[in-house]
């Protein structure tokens, strides 16, 4: 990469990787392979990925990530994703375009009339009783100590309309985005790290009759009951970071959902309930 492109937040991120953070992902390829085996063994119908495929948002990273997760993206209509803040790390031309270019096959939208810029909101109707609504909250953060996000107002307004659409409203609804609207303790994340308009998202989601809010960004897998809402919050955590490996499996029957937490078994190098 041209040396001039390192004069950004990316240089600090690279230093952090070289100083030790990178070692926590040394076995990422092995864990992704185990994740693929888990999907096949458990007949998973739909894979939901809440972002952060990369560390520095490099095109080469995105290409490699796509190659590794390709088996999870088959068939493409059964894979839903949003970019994480690391995937569009810095302002560099059209950062969102690089992500969309690599993952275009799984950015299909069943209700494209609700798009308010790019692919978002992305709606996927699954069978007769499940809907996934993907909102993009990630943005480049050129200032090194900023890693926060925001869901554009246009997407939130579209979400309000979608939740009243007769094709959606009576389904079990997963609303997904990268940033966590609440931490594990129920408190908002910090202004420099969290979802800036988290309260606005939660207010819109009060219209969900049956559903869940899914997020990433926080490297811990957790579940949180949300007061005065018909949906709980589930953070994916990290499937590959050493010491934090995990994700959720959701079983939906009618308007009911059961969530099962999955862990990494170091002895057998497999994921298990």
C-alpha atoms as a PDB file:
ATOM      1  CA  UNK A   1       0.000   0.000   0.000  1.00  0.00           C
ATOM      2  CA  UNK A   2       1.286   3.475  -0.847  1.00  0.00           C
ATOM      3  CA  UNK A   3       3.004   4.981   2.185  1.00  0.00           C
ATOM      4  CA  UNK A   4       0.914   8.174   2.025  1.00  0.00           C
ATOM      5  CA  UNK A   5      -2.207   6.141   2.816  1.00  0.00           C
ATOM      6  CA  UNK A   6      -0.764   5.235   6.223  1.00  0.00           C
ATOM      7  CA  UNK A   7      -1.021   8.849   7.432  1.00  0.00           C
ATOM      8  CA  UNK A   8      -4.380   8.227   9.086  1.00  0.00           C
ATOM      9  CA  UNK A   9      -6.023   6.349  11.931  1.00  0.00           C
ATOM     10  CA  UNK A  10      -4.985   3.204  10.081  1.00  0.00           C
ATOM     11  CA  UNK A  11      -1.349   3.648  11.164  1.00  0.00           C
ATOM     12  CA  UNK A  12      -2.330   3.617  14.841  1.00  0.00           C
ATOM     13  CA  UNK A  13      -4.527   0.569  14.250  1.00  0.00           C
ATOM     14  CA  UNK A  14      -1.641  -1.247  12.599  1.00  0.00           C
ATOM     15  CA  UNK A  15       0.660  -0.431  15.515  1.00  0.00           C
ATOM     16  CA  UNK A  16      -1.910  -1.834  17.953  1.00  0.00           C
ATOM     17  CA  UNK A  17      -2.036  -5.057  15.940  1.00  0.00           C
ATOM     18  CA  UNK A  18       1.743  -5.382  15.863  1.00  0.00           C
ATOM     19  CA  UNK A  19       2.032  -4.623  19.584  1.00  0.00           C
ATOM     20  CA  UNK A  20      -0.166  -7.556  20.550  1.00  0.00           C
ATOM     21  CA  UNK A  21      -3.815  -7.205  19.540  1.00  0.00           C
ATOM     22  CA  UNK A  22      -3.275  -9.231  16.398  1.00  0.00           C
ATOM     23  CA  UNK A  23      -2.263 -12.355  18.333  1.00  0.00           C
ATOM     24  CA  UNK A  24      -5.823 -12.732  19.623  1.00  0.00           C
ATOM     25  CA  UNK A  25      -6.892 -13.554  16.059  1.00  0.00           C
ATOM     26  CA  UNK A  26      -4.066 -15.959  15.127  1.00  0.00           C
ATOM     27  CA  UNK A  27      -6.489 -18.885  14.853  1.00  0.00           C
ATOM     28  CA  UNK A  28      -9.245 -17.013  13.028  1.00  0.00           C
ATOM     29  CA  UNK A  29      -9.123 -19.206   9.915  1.00  0.00           C
ATOM     30  CA  UNK A  30      -9.410 -22.381  11.996  1.00  0.00           C
ATOM     31  CA  UNK A  31     -12.358 -20.970  13.940  1.00  0.00           C
ATOM     32  CA  UNK A  32     -14.169 -19.871  10.789  1.00  0.00           C
ATOM     33  CA  UNK A  33     -13.709 -23.376   9.382  1.00  0.00           C
ATOM     34  CA  UNK A  34     -15.246 -24.758  12.591  1.00  0.00           C
ATOM     35  CA  UNK A  35     -18.075 -22.229  12.254  1.00  0.00           C
ATOM     36  CA  UNK A  36     -18.812 -23.566   8.764  1.00  0.00           C
ATOM     37  CA  UNK A  37     -18.863 -27.128  10.112  1.00  0.00           C
ATOM     38  CA  UNK A  38     -21.251 -26.025  12.870  1.00  0.00           C
ATOM     39  CA  UNK A  39     -23.625 -24.482  10.333  1.00  0.00           C
ATOM     40  CA  UNK A  40     -23.701 -27.631   8.233  1.00  0.00           C
ATOM     41  CA  UNK A  41     -24.021 -30.006  11.194  1.00  0.00           C
ATOM     42  CA  UNK A  42     -26.905 -28.066  12.742  1.00  0.00           C
ATOM     43  CA  UNK A  43     -28.823 -27.275   9.527  1.00  0.00           C
ATOM     44  CA  UNK A  44     -28.707 -23.526  10.109  1.00  0.00           C
ATOM     45  CA  UNK A  45     -31.211 -21.829   7.783  1.00  0.00           C
ATOM     46  CA  UNK A  46     -29.999 -18.243   7.997  1.00  0.00           C
ATOM     47  CA  UNK A  47     -26.686 -16.627   8.958  1.00  0.00           C
ATOM     48  CA  UNK A  48     -26.672 -13.076  10.340  1.00  0.00           C
ATOM     49  CA  UNK A  49     -23.342 -11.229  10.547  1.00  0.00           C
ATOM     50  CA  UNK A  50     -23.225  -7.862  12.344  1.00  0.00           C
ATOM     51  CA  UNK A  51     -19.929  -6.654  10.894  1.00  0.00           C
ATOM     52  CA  UNK A  52     -16.182  -6.286  11.518  1.00  0.00           C
ATOM     53  CA  UNK A  53     -14.684  -8.736   9.057  1.00  0.00           C
ATOM     54  CA  UNK A  54     -11.397  -6.811   9.069  1.00  0.00           C
ATOM     55  CA  UNK A  55      -9.028  -4.873  11.293  1.00  0.00           C
ATOM     56  CA  UNK A  56      -7.945  -1.968   9.077  1.00  0.00           C
ATOM     57  CA  UNK A  57     -10.560  -1.963   6.311  1.00  0.00           C
ATOM     58  CA  UNK A  58      -8.042  -2.841   3.600  1.00  0.00           C
ATOM     59  CA  UNK A  59      -9.324  -4.191   0.305  1.00  0.00           C
ATOM     60  CA  UNK A  60      -7.068  -7.237   0.680  1.00  0.00           C
ATOM     61  CA  UNK A  61      -8.591  -7.949   4.102  1.00  0.00           C
ATOM     62  CA  UNK A  62     -12.116  -7.741   2.723  1.00  0.00           C
ATOM     63  CA  UNK A  63     -11.256 -10.104  -0.123  1.00  0.00           C
ATOM     64  CA  UNK A  64      -9.714 -12.643   2.246  1.00  0.00           C
ATOM     65  CA  UNK A  65     -12.657 -12.382   4.650  1.00  0.00           C
ATOM     66  CA  UNK A  66     -15.081 -13.020   1.820  1.00  0.00           C
ATOM     67  CA  UNK A  67     -13.129 -16.099   0.737  1.00  0.00           C
ATOM     68  CA  UNK A  68     -13.136 -17.491   4.275  1.00  0.00           C
ATOM     69  CA  UNK A  69     -16.849 -16.981   4.932  1.00  0.00           C
ATOM     70  CA  UNK A  70     -17.995 -17.868   1.393  1.00  0.00           C
ATOM     71  CA  UNK A  71     -19.430 -21.265   2.501  1.00  0.00           C
ATOM     72  CA  UNK A  72     -21.612 -19.410   5.034  1.00  0.00           C
ATOM     73  CA  UNK A  73     -22.957 -17.243   2.206  1.00  0.00           C
ATOM     74  CA  UNK A  74     -24.547 -20.138   0.345  1.00  0.00           C
ATOM     75  CA  UNK A  75     -27.283 -19.626  -0.665  1.00  0.00           C
ATOM     76  CA  UNK A  76     -26.822 -15.831  -0.706  1.00  0.00           C
ATOM     77  CA  UNK A  77     -30.452 -15.104   0.188  1.00  0.00           C
ATOM     78  CA  UNK A  78     -29.871 -16.921   3.491  1.00  0.00           C
ATOM     79  CA  UNK A  79     -27.036 -14.627   4.609  1.00  0.00           C
ATOM     80  CA  UNK A  80     -27.565 -11.083   5.912  1.00  0.00           C
ATOM     81  CA  UNK A  81     -24.803  -8.679   6.882  1.00  0.00           C
ATOM     82  CA  UNK A  82     -23.867  -5.079   7.604  1.00  0.00           C
ATOM     83  CA  UNK A  83     -20.397  -3.513   7.655  1.00  0.00           C
ATOM     84  CA  UNK A  84     -18.605  -2.903  10.930  1.00  0.00           C
ATOM     85  CA  UNK A  85     -16.655   0.238  11.714  1.00  0.00           C
ATOM     86  CA  UNK A  86     -13.386  -1.598  11.029  1.00  0.00           C
ATOM     87  CA  UNK A  87     -14.610  -2.547   7.549  1.00  0.00           C
ATOM     88  CA  UNK A  88     -14.920   1.118   6.522  1.00  0.00           C
ATOM     89  CA  UNK A  89     -12.162   2.258   8.846  1.00  0.00           C
ATOM     90  CA  UNK A  90     -11.111   5.590   7.321  1.00  0.00           C
ATOM     91  CA  UNK A  91     -12.263   8.061   4.668  1.00  0.00           C
ATOM     92  CA  UNK A  92     -10.651   6.781   1.510  1.00  0.00           C
ATOM     93  CA  UNK A  93     -12.703   7.427  -1.605  1.00  0.00           C
ATOM     94  CA  UNK A  94     -15.949   5.540  -1.118  1.00  0.00           C
ATOM     95  CA  UNK A  95     -15.218   3.255   1.835  1.00  0.00           C
ATOM     96  CA  UNK A  96     -18.716   1.784   1.760  1.00  0.00           C
ATOM     97  CA  UNK A  97     -18.270   0.862  -1.888  1.00  0.00           C
ATOM     98  CA  UNK A  98     -15.334  -1.458  -1.136  1.00  0.00           C
ATOM     99  CA  UNK A  99     -17.465  -3.397   1.332  1.00  0.00           C
ATOM    100  CA  UNK A 100     -20.441  -3.535  -1.036  1.00  0.00           C
ATOM    101  CA  UNK A 101     -18.226  -4.657  -3.891  1.00  0.00           C
ATOM    102  CA  UNK A 102     -17.028  -7.709  -1.969  1.00  0.00           C
ATOM    103  CA  UNK A 103     -20.374  -8.642  -0.402  1.00  0.00           C
ATOM    104  CA  UNK A 104     -22.731  -7.561  -3.194  1.00  0.00           C
ATOM    105  CA  UNK A 105     -24.081 -11.101  -3.681  1.00  0.00           C
ATOM    106  CA  UNK A 106     -25.620 -11.106  -0.179  1.00  0.00           C
ATOM    107  CA  UNK A 107     -26.907  -7.527  -0.193  1.00  0.00           C
ATOM    108  CA  UNK A 108     -30.134  -8.482  -1.923  1.00  0.00           C
ATOM    109  CA  UNK A 109     -33.169  -6.553  -0.713  1.00  0.00           C
ATOM    110  CA  UNK A 110     -36.641  -8.087  -0.731  1.00  0.00           C
ATOM    111  CA  UNK A 111     -38.263  -4.650  -0.276  1.00  0.00           C
ATOM    112  CA  UNK A 112     -35.921  -2.266  -2.145  1.00  0.00           C
ATOM    113  CA  UNK A 113     -38.517   0.509  -2.131  1.00  0.00           C
ATOM    114  CA  UNK A 114     -37.446   1.282   1.448  1.00  0.00           C
ATOM    115  CA  UNK A 115     -33.771   1.904   0.601  1.00  0.00           C
ATOM    116  CA  UNK A 116     -32.601   5.315   1.785  1.00  0.00           C
ATOM    117  CA  UNK A 117     -29.100   5.351   0.336  1.00  0.00           C
ATOM    118  CA  UNK A 118     -26.951   2.437  -0.787  1.00  0.00           C
ATOM    119  CA  UNK A 119     -28.415  -0.880   0.308  1.00  0.00           C
ATOM    120  CA  UNK A 120     -29.970   0.273   3.572  1.00  0.00           C
ATOM    121  CA  UNK A 121     -32.284  -0.540   5.180  1.00  0.00           C
ATOM    122  CA  UNK A 122     -31.943  -4.045   3.803  1.00  0.00           C
ATOM    123  CA  UNK A 123     -34.990  -6.256   4.362  1.00  0.00           C
ATOM    124  CA  UNK A 124     -34.947 -10.020   4.023  1.00  0.00           C
ATOM    125  CA  UNK A 125     -38.205 -11.980   4.264  1.00  0.00           C
ATOM    126  CA  UNK A 126     -37.493 -15.546   5.398  1.00  0.00           C
ATOM    127  CA  UNK A 127     -40.237 -18.093   4.874  1.00  0.00           C
ATOM    128  CA  UNK A 128     -43.662 -16.980   6.022  1.00  0.00           C
ATOM    129  CA  UNK A 129     -42.913 -15.834   9.555  1.00  0.00           C
ATOM    130  CA  UNK A 130     -39.456 -14.182   9.855  1.00  0.00           C
ATOM    131  CA  UNK A 131     -38.133 -10.818   8.678  1.00  0.00           C
ATOM    132  CA  UNK A 132     -34.636  -9.370   9.068  1.00  0.00           C
ATOM    133  CA  UNK A 133     -34.159  -5.603   8.862  1.00  0.00           C
ATOM    134  CA  UNK A 134     -30.514  -4.531   8.517  1.00  0.00           C
ATOM    135  CA  UNK A 135     -29.537  -0.950   9.335  1.00  0.00           C
ATOM    136  CA  UNK A 136     -26.083   0.439   8.607  1.00  0.00           C
ATOM    137  CA  UNK A 137     -24.684   2.352  11.588  1.00  0.00           C
ATOM    138  CA  UNK A 138     -20.995   2.253  10.612  1.00  0.00           C
ATOM    139  CA  UNK A 139     -19.021   5.179   9.267  1.00  0.00           C
ATOM    140  CA  UNK A 140     -15.369   6.090   8.825  1.00  0.00           C
ATOM    141  CA  UNK A 141     -13.835   7.669  11.921  1.00  0.00           C
ATOM    142  CA  UNK A 142     -10.703   9.594  10.920  1.00  0.00           C
ATOM    143  CA  UNK A 143      -9.994  10.798  14.473  1.00  0.00           C
ATOM    144  CA  UNK A 144      -7.985   7.999  16.171  1.00  0.00           C
ATOM    145  CA  UNK A 145      -9.849   8.064  19.489  1.00  0.00           C
ATOM    146  CA  UNK A 146     -13.287   7.987  17.831  1.00  0.00           C
ATOM    147  CA  UNK A 147     -14.945   4.670  16.952  1.00  0.00           C
ATOM    148  CA  UNK A 148     -18.603   5.614  17.276  1.00  0.00           C
ATOM    149  CA  UNK A 149     -21.444   5.186  14.807  1.00  0.00           C
ATOM    150  CA  UNK A 150     -24.811   6.571  13.823  1.00  0.00           C
ATOM    151  CA  UNK A 151     -27.843   5.255  11.977  1.00  0.00           C
ATOM    152  CA  UNK A 152     -28.821   7.951   9.451  1.00  0.00           C
ATOM    153  CA  UNK A 153     -32.170   9.588  10.105  1.00  0.00           C
ATOM    154  CA  UNK A 154     -33.419   8.427   6.701  1.00  0.00           C
ATOM    155  CA  UNK A 155     -32.908   4.795   7.705  1.00  0.00           C
ATOM    156  CA  UNK A 156     -34.698   5.258  11.029  1.00  0.00           C
ATOM    157  CA  UNK A 157     -37.631   6.898   9.274  1.00  0.00           C
ATOM    158  CA  UNK A 158     -37.717   3.990   6.833  1.00  0.00           C
ATOM    159  CA  UNK A 159     -37.622   1.542   9.760  1.00  0.00           C
ATOM    160  CA  UNK A 160     -40.746   3.161  11.179  1.00  0.00           C
ATOM    161  CA  UNK A 161     -42.527   2.612   7.856  1.00  0.00           C
ATOM    162  CA  UNK A 162     -41.257  -0.948   7.459  1.00  0.00           C
ATOM    163  CA  UNK A 163     -42.569  -1.969  10.877  1.00  0.00           C
ATOM    164  CA  UNK A 164     -46.055  -0.955   9.747  1.00  0.00           C
ATOM    165  CA  UNK A 165     -45.847  -2.733   6.394  1.00  0.00           C
ATOM    166  CA  UNK A 166     -48.370  -5.636   6.319  1.00  0.00           C
ATOM    167  CA  UNK A 167     -45.727  -7.797   4.649  1.00  0.00           C
ATOM    168  CA  UNK A 168     -43.504  -7.404   7.717  1.00  0.00           C
ATOM    169  CA  UNK A 169     -45.301  -6.330  10.882  1.00  0.00           C
ATOM    170  CA  UNK A 170     -46.858  -9.672  11.833  1.00  0.00           C
ATOM    171  CA  UNK A 171     -43.647 -11.656  11.382  1.00  0.00           C
ATOM    172  CA  UNK A 172     -40.985 -12.363  13.984  1.00  0.00           C
ATOM    173  CA  UNK A 173     -38.603  -9.456  13.312  1.00  0.00           C
ATOM    174  CA  UNK A 174     -34.845  -9.258  13.772  1.00  0.00           C
ATOM    175  CA  UNK A 175     -33.580  -5.666  13.653  1.00  0.00           C
ATOM    176  CA  UNK A 176     -29.803  -5.740  13.189  1.00  0.00           C
ATOM    177  CA  UNK A 177     -27.013  -3.175  13.133  1.00  0.00           C
ATOM    178  CA  UNK A 178     -23.332  -3.102  14.018  1.00  0.00           C
ATOM    179  CA  UNK A 179     -23.274  -0.861  17.084  1.00  0.00           C
ATOM    180  CA  UNK A 180     -24.811  -1.916  20.386  1.00  0.00           C
ATOM    181  CA  UNK A 181     -27.664   0.355  21.538  1.00  0.00           C
ATOM    182  CA  UNK A 182     -26.990  -0.791  25.107  1.00  0.00           C
ATOM    183  CA  UNK A 183     -24.116  -2.444  26.944  1.00  0.00           C
ATOM    184  CA  UNK A 184     -24.444  -5.645  28.945  1.00  0.00           C
ATOM    185  CA  UNK A 185     -25.210  -3.634  32.107  1.00  0.00           C
ATOM    186  CA  UNK A 186     -28.077  -1.830  30.375  1.00  0.00           C
ATOM    187  CA  UNK A 187     -26.218   1.473  30.087  1.00  0.00           C
ATOM    188  CA  UNK A 188     -25.500   3.310  26.819  1.00  0.00           C
ATOM    189  CA  UNK A 189     -21.992   2.973  25.429  1.00  0.00           C
ATOM    190  CA  UNK A 190     -19.704   6.025  25.547  1.00  0.00           C
ATOM    191  CA  UNK A 191     -20.104   8.823  23.014  1.00  0.00           C
ATOM    192  CA  UNK A 192     -16.708   8.041  21.493  1.00  0.00           C
ATOM    193  CA  UNK A 193     -17.330   4.302  21.103  1.00  0.00           C
ATOM    194  CA  UNK A 194     -21.060   3.666  20.900  1.00  0.00           C
ATOM    195  CA  UNK A 195     -24.155   4.277  18.819  1.00  0.00           C
ATOM    196  CA  UNK A 196     -24.759   8.018  18.965  1.00  0.00           C
ATOM    197  CA  UNK A 197     -28.509   7.808  18.356  1.00  0.00           C
ATOM    198  CA  UNK A 198     -29.164   4.575  20.263  1.00  0.00           C
ATOM    199  CA  UNK A 199     -32.251   6.017  21.979  1.00  0.00           C
ATOM    200  CA  UNK A 200     -33.789   6.852  18.601  1.00  0.00           C
ATOM    201  CA  UNK A 201     -33.319   3.259  17.432  1.00  0.00           C
ATOM    202  CA  UNK A 202     -34.878   1.828  20.585  1.00  0.00           C
ATOM    203  CA  UNK A 203     -37.816   4.214  20.301  1.00  0.00           C
ATOM    204  CA  UNK A 204     -38.526   3.031  16.748  1.00  0.00           C
ATOM    205  CA  UNK A 205     -38.211  -0.610  17.802  1.00  0.00           C
ATOM    206  CA  UNK A 206     -41.031  -0.216  20.334  1.00  0.00           C
ATOM    207  CA  UNK A 207     -43.315  -0.882  17.373  1.00  0.00           C
ATOM    208  CA  UNK A 208     -41.940  -4.451  17.048  1.00  0.00           C
ATOM    209  CA  UNK A 209     -44.618  -6.859  18.260  1.00  0.00           C
ATOM    210  CA  UNK A 210     -42.389  -9.943  18.337  1.00  0.00           C
ATOM    211  CA  UNK A 211     -38.666  -9.770  17.717  1.00  0.00           C
ATOM    212  CA  UNK A 212     -35.105  -9.108  18.786  1.00  0.00           C
ATOM    213  CA  UNK A 213     -32.416  -6.478  18.245  1.00  0.00           C
ATOM    214  CA  UNK A 214     -29.050  -7.873  17.121  1.00  0.00           C
ATOM    215  CA  UNK A 215     -25.698  -6.085  17.254  1.00  0.00           C
ATOM    216  CA  UNK A 216     -21.943  -6.562  17.288  1.00  0.00           C
ATOM    217  CA  UNK A 217     -19.047  -4.147  18.013  1.00  0.00           C
ATOM    218  CA  UNK A 218     -18.660  -5.285  21.647  1.00  0.00           C
ATOM    219  CA  UNK A 219     -16.346  -8.305  21.847  1.00  0.00           C
ATOM    220  CA  UNK A 220     -18.516 -10.106  24.389  1.00  0.00           C
ATOM    221  CA  UNK A 221     -21.530 -12.273  23.709  1.00  0.00           C
ATOM    222  CA  UNK A 222     -24.434 -11.126  25.877  1.00  0.00           C
ATOM    223  CA  UNK A 223     -28.198 -10.848  26.108  1.00  0.00           C
ATOM    224  CA  UNK A 224     -30.120  -7.968  27.673  1.00  0.00           C
ATOM    225  CA  UNK A 225     -33.796  -7.598  28.538  1.00  0.00           C
ATOM    226  CA  UNK A 226     -35.043  -4.236  27.302  1.00  0.00           C
ATOM    227  CA  UNK A 227     -37.678  -2.591  29.482  1.00  0.00           C
ATOM    228  CA  UNK A 228     -41.056  -1.700  27.989  1.00  0.00           C
ATOM    229  CA  UNK A 229     -40.224  -3.453  24.723  1.00  0.00           C
ATOM    230  CA  UNK A 230     -41.275  -6.679  23.022  1.00  0.00           C
ATOM    231  CA  UNK A 231     -37.741  -7.416  21.896  1.00  0.00           C
ATOM    232  CA  UNK A 232     -34.530  -8.193  23.758  1.00  0.00           C
ATOM    233  CA  UNK A 233     -30.992  -7.272  22.736  1.00  0.00           C
ATOM    234  CA  UNK A 234     -28.463  -9.902  21.629  1.00  0.00           C
ATOM    235  CA  UNK A 235     -24.826  -9.009  21.058  1.00  0.00           C
ATOM    236  CA  UNK A 236     -22.939 -11.438  18.828  1.00  0.00           C
ATOM    237  CA  UNK A 237     -19.580 -10.769  20.454  1.00  0.00           C
ATOM    238  CA  UNK A 238     -16.687 -12.200  18.442  1.00  0.00           C
ATOM    239  CA  UNK A 239     -16.559 -15.595  16.771  1.00  0.00           C
ATOM    240  CA  UNK A 240     -12.755 -15.544  16.402  1.00  0.00           C
ATOM    241  CA  UNK A 241     -11.150 -13.407  19.157  1.00  0.00           C
ATOM    242  CA  UNK A 242      -9.257 -15.561  21.637  1.00  0.00           C
ATOM    243  CA  UNK A 243     -11.024 -15.675  24.991  1.00  0.00           C
ATOM    244  CA  UNK A 244     -14.256 -14.204  23.643  1.00  0.00           C
ATOM    245  CA  UNK A 245     -15.350 -16.797  21.077  1.00  0.00           C
ATOM    246  CA  UNK A 246     -19.091 -17.177  20.783  1.00  0.00           C
ATOM    247  CA  UNK A 247     -22.305 -16.426  18.952  1.00  0.00           C
ATOM    248  CA  UNK A 248     -26.046 -17.101  19.163  1.00  0.00           C
ATOM    249  CA  UNK A 249     -28.339 -19.632  17.535  1.00  0.00           C
ATOM    250  CA  UNK A 250     -31.967 -18.507  17.273  1.00  0.00           C
ATOM    251  CA  UNK A 251     -34.851 -20.959  16.900  1.00  0.00           C
ATOM    252  CA  UNK A 252     -38.081 -19.297  15.771  1.00  0.00           C
ATOM    253  CA  UNK A 253     -41.433 -21.040  15.898  1.00  0.00           C
ATOM    254  CA  UNK A 254     -44.388 -18.823  15.095  1.00  0.00           C
ATOM    255  CA  UNK A 255     -44.052 -15.712  17.249  1.00  0.00           C
ATOM    256  CA  UNK A 256     -41.736 -17.359  19.786  1.00  0.00           C
ATOM    257  CA  UNK A 257     -37.937 -17.415  19.712  1.00  0.00           C
ATOM    258  CA  UNK A 258     -35.425 -19.398  21.775  1.00  0.00           C
ATOM    259  CA  UNK A 259     -31.812 -18.219  21.809  1.00  0.00           C
ATOM    260  CA  UNK A 260     -28.953 -20.617  22.501  1.00  0.00           C
ATOM    261  CA  UNK A 261     -25.444 -19.392  23.242  1.00  0.00           C
ATOM    262  CA  UNK A 262     -22.566 -21.155  21.505  1.00  0.00           C
ATOM    263  CA  UNK A 263     -19.053 -21.432  22.933  1.00  0.00           C
ATOM    264  CA  UNK A 264     -15.613 -22.400  21.633  1.00  0.00           C
ATOM    265  CA  UNK A 265     -14.296 -25.689  23.008  1.00  0.00           C
ATOM    266  CA  UNK A 266     -10.503 -25.365  23.032  1.00  0.00           C
ATOM    267  CA  UNK A 267     -10.005 -29.068  23.711  1.00  0.00           C
ATOM    268  CA  UNK A 268     -11.754 -30.190  20.536  1.00  0.00           C
ATOM    269  CA  UNK A 269     -11.426 -26.956  18.503  1.00  0.00           C
ATOM    270  CA  UNK A 270     -15.155 -26.904  17.850  1.00  0.00           C
ATOM    271  CA  UNK A 271     -18.143 -24.722  18.649  1.00  0.00           C
ATOM    272  CA  UNK A 272     -20.748 -26.239  20.924  1.00  0.00           C
ATOM    273  CA  UNK A 273     -23.848 -25.279  22.914  1.00  0.00           C
END
